């Protein structure tokens, strides 16, 4: 009856008591199923390493760009006031940390470490340009010459900067704190699924 005919054997208690008739075996999948497209990837599929590296590169480039702007602002204030304004160092850190977040990075240890490193480098550039500009005005001497001396021999410039360790440490600490704070609290506008959630 119906789609399967049963063949009764001698013993009803045997495990092989009933079998489909040989000519009534169920067929495979219907032919129309062969035309269906394959299922899409699930939502838990991880991004490929290439995508993750691309997001890191975009984030670092964004942070470096903001760091350069912060260094220019810091050096400009240095020149206008005639001395370093350490309290403004936090602005460099905030700009760099925000740049990393805008580039796609999420809060995490790696993001914070990279933000601090780029921010401190930007601070060093801002201090070097500001001090070289003041030296150029005081000597007087060409700005390219004083800048060249700083970048060719950074050791004496660093020693000069840290000759007042408390003040120099204040600028370094404020820069690092600003970078970490920005990576933890900055919330860029983004569309769903735009950023990488890995650390």
Protein backbone atom coordinates (compact mmCIF):
# COMPACT_ATOMS: atom_id res chain seq x y z
CA UNK A 1 0.00 0.00 0.00
CA UNK A 2 1.16 3.60 -0.62
CA UNK A 3 4.81 4.10 -1.54
CA UNK A 4 6.24 0.95 0.12
CA UNK A 5 5.18 -2.64 -0.17
CA UNK A 6 6.30 -4.81 2.73
CA UNK A 7 7.47 -8.40 2.34
CA UNK A 8 6.44 -10.58 5.26
CA UNK A 9 8.99 -13.24 6.32
CA UNK A 10 8.49 -16.32 8.43
CA UNK A 11 9.33 -14.99 11.91
CA UNK A 12 7.66 -11.81 13.10
CA UNK A 13 10.17 -11.55 15.96
CA UNK A 14 13.23 -11.53 13.71
CA UNK A 15 15.10 -8.16 13.33
CA UNK A 16 14.67 -8.62 9.63
CA UNK A 17 10.95 -9.20 9.82
CA UNK A 18 10.06 -6.48 7.33
CA UNK A 19 11.95 -5.06 4.38
CA UNK A 20 10.92 -2.77 1.58
CA UNK A 21 10.33 -4.58 -1.61
CA UNK A 22 13.38 -4.37 -3.95
CA UNK A 23 11.43 -2.44 -6.55
CA UNK A 24 10.09 0.01 -3.96
CA UNK A 25 13.32 1.36 -2.41
CA UNK A 26 13.12 5.13 -1.73
CA UNK A 27 14.84 7.18 -4.34
CA UNK A 28 17.49 9.90 -3.72
CA UNK A 29 16.91 13.65 -3.49
CA UNK A 30 14.48 15.12 -6.00
CA UNK A 31 16.00 16.47 -9.18
CA UNK A 32 14.80 20.03 -8.45
CA UNK A 33 17.09 20.19 -5.37
CA UNK A 34 20.15 20.03 -7.64
CA UNK A 35 19.31 23.50 -8.99
CA UNK A 36 19.37 25.20 -5.57
CA UNK A 37 22.40 27.44 -4.76
CA UNK A 38 24.75 26.38 -1.97
CA UNK A 39 23.95 27.70 1.52
CA UNK A 40 25.66 30.99 2.51
CA UNK A 41 28.40 31.19 5.12
CA UNK A 42 27.16 31.31 8.68
CA UNK A 43 27.31 34.51 10.76
CA UNK A 44 30.06 33.06 12.95
CA UNK A 45 32.51 32.79 10.09
CA UNK A 46 35.76 34.47 11.13
CA UNK A 47 37.36 37.08 8.82
CA UNK A 48 40.38 35.96 6.90
CA UNK A 49 43.84 37.02 8.13
CA UNK A 50 44.15 39.28 5.09
CA UNK A 51 41.07 41.25 6.17
CA UNK A 52 42.36 41.55 9.75
CA UNK A 53 45.76 42.77 8.54
CA UNK A 54 44.03 45.27 6.26
CA UNK A 55 42.05 46.64 9.18
CA UNK A 56 45.21 46.95 11.27
CA UNK A 57 46.97 48.81 8.47
CA UNK A 58 44.04 51.17 8.00
CA UNK A 59 43.87 51.83 11.75
CA UNK A 60 47.60 52.47 12.11
CA UNK A 61 47.63 54.83 9.14
CA UNK A 62 44.70 56.73 10.64
CA UNK A 63 46.45 56.95 14.02
CA UNK A 64 49.71 58.16 12.43
CA UNK A 65 47.82 60.84 10.51
CA UNK A 66 46.14 62.10 13.66
CA UNK A 67 49.47 61.86 15.49
CA UNK A 68 51.13 64.11 12.91
CA UNK A 69 48.34 66.67 13.35
CA UNK A 70 48.77 66.48 17.12
CA UNK A 71 52.52 66.96 16.82
CA UNK A 72 52.01 70.03 14.62
CA UNK A 73 49.58 71.54 17.13
CA UNK A 74 51.95 70.78 20.01
CA UNK A 75 54.92 72.34 18.22
CA UNK A 76 52.84 75.39 17.24
CA UNK A 77 51.84 75.95 20.86
CA UNK A 78 55.49 75.43 21.87
CA UNK A 79 56.57 78.19 19.49
CA UNK A 80 53.74 80.61 20.35
CA UNK A 81 54.27 80.34 24.12
CA UNK A 82 58.04 80.11 23.92
CA UNK A 83 58.16 76.99 26.10
CA UNK A 84 56.67 73.52 26.22
CA UNK A 85 53.12 73.27 27.55
CA UNK A 86 53.09 69.76 29.01
CA UNK A 87 49.36 69.79 29.74
CA UNK A 88 48.68 69.89 26.01
CA UNK A 89 50.40 66.51 25.57
CA UNK A 90 47.17 64.74 26.45
CA UNK A 91 45.68 66.09 23.20
CA UNK A 92 48.22 64.10 21.16
CA UNK A 93 47.27 60.91 22.97
CA UNK A 94 43.56 61.48 22.52
CA UNK A 95 43.99 62.18 18.81
CA UNK A 96 46.07 59.05 18.22
CA UNK A 97 43.73 56.80 20.19
CA UNK A 98 40.72 58.22 18.39
CA UNK A 99 42.47 57.65 15.07
CA UNK A 100 42.92 53.97 15.85
CA UNK A 101 39.25 53.62 16.75
CA UNK A 102 38.15 55.49 13.65
CA UNK A 103 40.29 53.12 11.59
CA UNK A 104 38.33 50.15 12.92
CA UNK A 105 40.12 48.86 16.01
CA UNK A 106 38.17 47.82 19.09
CA UNK A 107 39.37 48.38 22.68
CA UNK A 108 41.96 45.89 23.84
CA UNK A 109 45.52 45.42 25.00
CA UNK A 110 46.97 45.43 21.48
CA UNK A 111 45.03 48.57 20.52
CA UNK A 112 46.13 50.39 23.66
CA UNK A 113 49.78 49.41 23.25
CA UNK A 114 49.92 50.57 19.64
CA UNK A 115 48.13 53.82 20.52
CA UNK A 116 50.61 54.63 23.30
CA UNK A 117 53.62 53.88 21.07
CA UNK A 118 52.39 56.08 18.20
CA UNK A 119 51.37 58.85 20.61
CA UNK A 120 54.79 58.94 22.31
CA UNK A 121 56.50 59.04 18.94
CA UNK A 122 54.25 61.93 17.93
CA UNK A 123 55.07 63.73 21.17
CA UNK A 124 58.79 63.34 20.47
CA UNK A 125 58.33 64.82 16.99
CA UNK A 126 56.32 67.74 18.37
CA UNK A 127 58.91 68.50 21.03
CA UNK A 128 61.78 68.24 18.54
CA UNK A 129 60.13 70.58 16.04
CA UNK A 130 59.14 73.06 18.75
CA UNK A 131 62.57 73.15 20.38
CA UNK A 132 64.37 73.34 17.05
CA UNK A 133 62.15 76.26 16.05
CA UNK A 134 62.97 78.13 19.26
CA UNK A 135 66.67 77.43 18.76
CA UNK A 136 66.41 78.72 15.22
CA UNK A 137 64.89 81.97 16.49
CA UNK A 138 67.36 82.39 19.36
CA UNK A 139 70.61 81.71 17.50
CA UNK A 140 69.49 82.84 14.81
CA UNK A 141 69.94 79.94 12.42
CA UNK A 142 68.00 78.28 9.60
CA UNK A 143 65.21 76.04 10.83
CA UNK A 144 66.36 73.27 8.50
CA UNK A 145 69.78 73.31 10.19
CA UNK A 146 68.45 73.08 13.76
CA UNK A 147 65.93 70.40 12.78
CA UNK A 148 68.66 68.45 11.01
CA UNK A 149 70.83 68.54 14.12
CA UNK A 150 68.00 67.15 16.25
CA UNK A 151 67.10 64.28 13.92
CA UNK A 152 70.70 63.40 13.09
CA UNK A 153 71.69 63.22 16.76
CA UNK A 154 68.56 62.51 18.84
CA UNK A 155 70.60 61.43 21.88
CA UNK A 156 71.64 64.93 23.03
CA UNK A 157 68.13 66.23 22.34
CA UNK A 158 66.59 63.49 24.52
CA UNK A 159 69.13 64.11 27.28
CA UNK A 160 68.28 67.80 27.16
CA UNK A 161 64.57 67.06 27.30
CA UNK A 162 64.84 64.71 30.28
CA UNK A 163 67.17 67.05 32.17
CA UNK A 164 63.98 68.02 34.02
CA UNK A 165 62.69 64.45 34.61
CA UNK A 166 59.54 65.37 36.52
CA UNK A 167 58.23 67.70 33.81
CA UNK A 168 59.24 65.34 31.00
CA UNK A 169 57.58 62.41 32.79
CA UNK A 170 54.42 64.48 33.16
CA UNK A 171 54.23 65.03 29.40
CA UNK A 172 54.90 61.34 28.70
CA UNK A 173 52.31 60.22 31.24
CA UNK A 174 49.65 62.57 29.93
CA UNK A 175 50.27 61.43 26.37
CA UNK A 176 49.97 57.74 27.29
CA UNK A 177 46.89 58.36 29.43
CA UNK A 178 45.16 60.26 26.63
CA UNK A 179 45.87 57.47 24.15
CA UNK A 180 44.54 54.74 26.45
CA UNK A 181 41.49 56.79 27.42
CA UNK A 182 40.58 57.41 23.80
CA UNK A 183 40.86 53.74 22.83
CA UNK A 184 38.59 52.76 25.71
CA UNK A 185 35.93 55.45 25.52
CA UNK A 186 35.80 56.78 21.95
CA UNK A 187 32.74 55.50 20.06
CA UNK A 188 32.93 56.21 16.33
CA UNK A 189 29.86 56.12 14.16
CA UNK A 190 29.77 52.87 12.30
CA UNK A 191 27.45 50.61 10.40
CA UNK A 192 26.69 47.10 11.57
CA UNK A 193 29.56 44.68 11.00
CA UNK A 194 32.02 47.35 9.91
CA UNK A 195 34.69 46.85 12.55
CA UNK A 196 36.78 43.95 13.68
CA UNK A 197 35.85 42.60 17.11
CA UNK A 198 39.13 40.74 17.65
CA UNK A 199 41.83 42.12 19.91
